[in-house]
Amino acid sequence: MFRLSPYFRPDPAAPLASLNRGEMRARRGRLIVFFGMCLSAGKMYAMLKVARQKRRFMLRLLGAAALLWLVLMTALFLRAAG
């Protein structure tokens, strides 16, 4: 039987070592840097454009998930009723 002593401290790198490289890459965030040395170079416009594209994608994804849920619930309801 394994018993923890009061002086036992788990290795903080152990959970990270258990993940493989692909999982870590999939969970990692992305940093986008917009460079421009002049005022009014379009940095803010580019940032807002990227944000709008990501928002549109997420709304489509949520809409597809809601539609799938609706179809599944309707199928389950029809199966239970019939």
C-alpha atoms as a PDB file:
ATOM      1  CA  MET A   1       0.000   0.000   0.000  1.00  0.00           C
ATOM      2  CA  PHE A   2       1.283   3.427  -0.949  1.00  0.00           C
ATOM      3  CA  ARG A   3       1.221   5.928   1.868  1.00  0.00           C
ATOM      4  CA  LEU A   4       1.858   9.652   1.481  1.00  0.00           C
ATOM      5  CA  SER A   5       4.133  11.193   4.039  1.00  0.00           C
ATOM      6  CA  PRO A   6       3.481  14.755   5.207  1.00  0.00           C
ATOM      7  CA  TYR A   7       6.710  15.735   3.433  1.00  0.00           C
ATOM      8  CA  PHE A   8       5.714  14.255   0.075  1.00  0.00           C
ATOM      9  CA  ARG A   9       5.448  16.791  -2.706  1.00  0.00           C
ATOM     10  CA  PRO A  10       4.319  15.586  -6.146  1.00  0.00           C
ATOM     11  CA  ASP A  11       6.392  16.544  -9.138  1.00  0.00           C
ATOM     12  CA  PRO A  12       4.684  19.517 -10.841  1.00  0.00           C
ATOM     13  CA  ALA A  13       5.989  18.405 -14.248  1.00  0.00           C
ATOM     14  CA  ALA A  14       4.406  14.948 -13.995  1.00  0.00           C
ATOM     15  CA  PRO A  15       0.995  15.898 -15.478  1.00  0.00           C
ATOM     16  CA  LEU A  16       2.686  17.669 -18.372  1.00  0.00           C
ATOM     17  CA  ALA A  17       4.935  14.703 -19.022  1.00  0.00           C
ATOM     18  CA  SER A  18       1.897  12.454 -19.324  1.00  0.00           C
ATOM     19  CA  LEU A  19       0.461  14.499 -22.198  1.00  0.00           C
ATOM     20  CA  ASN A  20       1.852  13.809 -25.593  1.00  0.00           C
ATOM     21  CA  ARG A  21       3.029  16.571 -27.882  1.00  0.00           C
ATOM     22  CA  GLY A  22      -0.105  16.568 -30.059  1.00  0.00           C
ATOM     23  CA  GLU A  23      -2.445  17.060 -27.132  1.00  0.00           C
ATOM     24  CA  MET A  24      -0.339  19.893 -25.796  1.00  0.00           C
ATOM     25  CA  ARG A  25      -0.315  21.570 -29.204  1.00  0.00           C
ATOM     26  CA  ALA A  26      -4.102  21.220 -29.516  1.00  0.00           C
ATOM     27  CA  ARG A  27      -4.684  22.793 -26.094  1.00  0.00           C
ATOM     28  CA  ARG A  28      -2.217  25.630 -26.637  1.00  0.00           C
ATOM     29  CA  GLY A  29      -3.469  29.129 -27.412  1.00  0.00           C
ATOM     30  CA  ARG A  30      -2.365  31.239 -30.329  1.00  0.00           C
ATOM     31  CA  LEU A  31      -0.723  34.649 -30.156  1.00  0.00           C
ATOM     32  CA  ILE A  32      -1.091  36.957 -33.120  1.00  0.00           C
ATOM     33  CA  VAL A  33       1.069  40.086 -33.234  1.00  0.00           C
ATOM     34  CA  PHE A  34       0.123  42.911 -35.596  1.00  0.00           C
ATOM     35  CA  PHE A  35       3.114  45.031 -36.566  1.00  0.00           C
ATOM     36  CA  GLY A  36       2.970  48.556 -37.917  1.00  0.00           C
ATOM     37  CA  MET A  37       5.254  51.475 -37.255  1.00  0.00           C
ATOM     38  CA  CYS A  38       2.909  54.213 -38.432  1.00  0.00           C
ATOM     39  CA  LEU A  39      -0.338  55.572 -37.126  1.00  0.00           C
ATOM     40  CA  SER A  40      -3.376  54.570 -39.174  1.00  0.00           C
ATOM     41  CA  ALA A  41      -1.544  51.630 -40.718  1.00  0.00           C
ATOM     42  CA  GLY A  42      -4.610  49.390 -40.314  1.00  0.00           C
ATOM     43  CA  LYS A  43      -3.550  47.329 -37.277  1.00  0.00           C
ATOM     44  CA  MET A  44      -6.828  47.832 -35.426  1.00  0.00           C
ATOM     45  CA  TYR A  45      -8.833  47.109 -38.578  1.00  0.00           C
ATOM     46  CA  ALA A  46      -6.912  43.847 -39.072  1.00  0.00           C
ATOM     47  CA  MET A  47      -7.439  42.850 -35.416  1.00  0.00           C
ATOM     48  CA  LEU A  48     -11.163  43.522 -35.599  1.00  0.00           C
ATOM     49  CA  LYS A  49     -11.427  41.655 -38.903  1.00  0.00           C
ATOM     50  CA  VAL A  50      -9.794  38.543 -37.371  1.00  0.00           C
ATOM     51  CA  ALA A  51     -12.055  38.806 -34.302  1.00  0.00           C
ATOM     52  CA  ARG A  52     -15.168  39.034 -36.516  1.00  0.00           C
ATOM     53  CA  GLN A  53     -14.085  36.006 -38.543  1.00  0.00           C
ATOM     54  CA  LYS A  54     -13.524  33.935 -35.387  1.00  0.00           C
ATOM     55  CA  ARG A  55     -16.855  35.058 -33.952  1.00  0.00           C
ATOM     56  CA  ARG A  56     -18.664  34.136 -37.177  1.00  0.00           C
ATOM     57  CA  PHE A  57     -17.033  30.707 -37.149  1.00  0.00           C
ATOM     58  CA  MET A  58     -18.035  30.104 -33.520  1.00  0.00           C
ATOM     59  CA  LEU A  59     -21.626  31.172 -34.211  1.00  0.00           C
ATOM     60  CA  ARG A  60     -21.801  28.752 -37.147  1.00  0.00           C
ATOM     61  CA  LEU A  61     -20.367  26.005 -34.976  1.00  0.00           C
ATOM     62  CA  LEU A  62     -22.883  26.678 -32.202  1.00  0.00           C
ATOM     63  CA  GLY A  63     -25.714  26.821 -34.735  1.00  0.00           C
ATOM     64  CA  ALA A  64     -24.695  23.454 -36.171  1.00  0.00           C
ATOM     65  CA  ALA A  65     -24.499  21.958 -32.672  1.00  0.00           C
ATOM     66  CA  ALA A  66     -27.955  23.324 -31.804  1.00  0.00           C
ATOM     67  CA  LEU A  67     -29.396  21.940 -35.043  1.00  0.00           C
ATOM     68  CA  LEU A  68     -27.868  18.527 -34.369  1.00  0.00           C
ATOM     69  CA  TRP A  69     -29.272  18.545 -30.825  1.00  0.00           C
ATOM     70  CA  LEU A  70     -32.708  19.475 -32.157  1.00  0.00           C
ATOM     71  CA  VAL A  71     -32.654  16.657 -34.716  1.00  0.00           C
ATOM     72  CA  LEU A  72     -31.546  14.122 -32.087  1.00  0.00           C
ATOM     73  CA  MET A  73     -34.187  15.227 -29.588  1.00  0.00           C
ATOM     74  CA  THR A  74     -36.892  15.074 -32.251  1.00  0.00           C
ATOM     75  CA  ALA A  75     -35.806  11.574 -33.235  1.00  0.00           C
ATOM     76  CA  LEU A  76     -35.824  10.447 -29.601  1.00  0.00           C
ATOM     77  CA  PHE A  77     -39.247  12.005 -29.044  1.00  0.00           C
ATOM     78  CA  LEU A  78     -40.701  10.323 -32.138  1.00  0.00           C
ATOM     79  CA  ARG A  79     -39.213   6.979 -31.118  1.00  0.00           C
ATOM     80  CA  ALA A  80     -40.676   7.284 -27.602  1.00  0.00           C
ATOM     81  CA  ALA A  81     -44.080   8.399 -28.912  1.00  0.00           C
ATOM     82  CA  GLY A  82     -44.356   5.740 -31.580  1.00  0.00           C
END
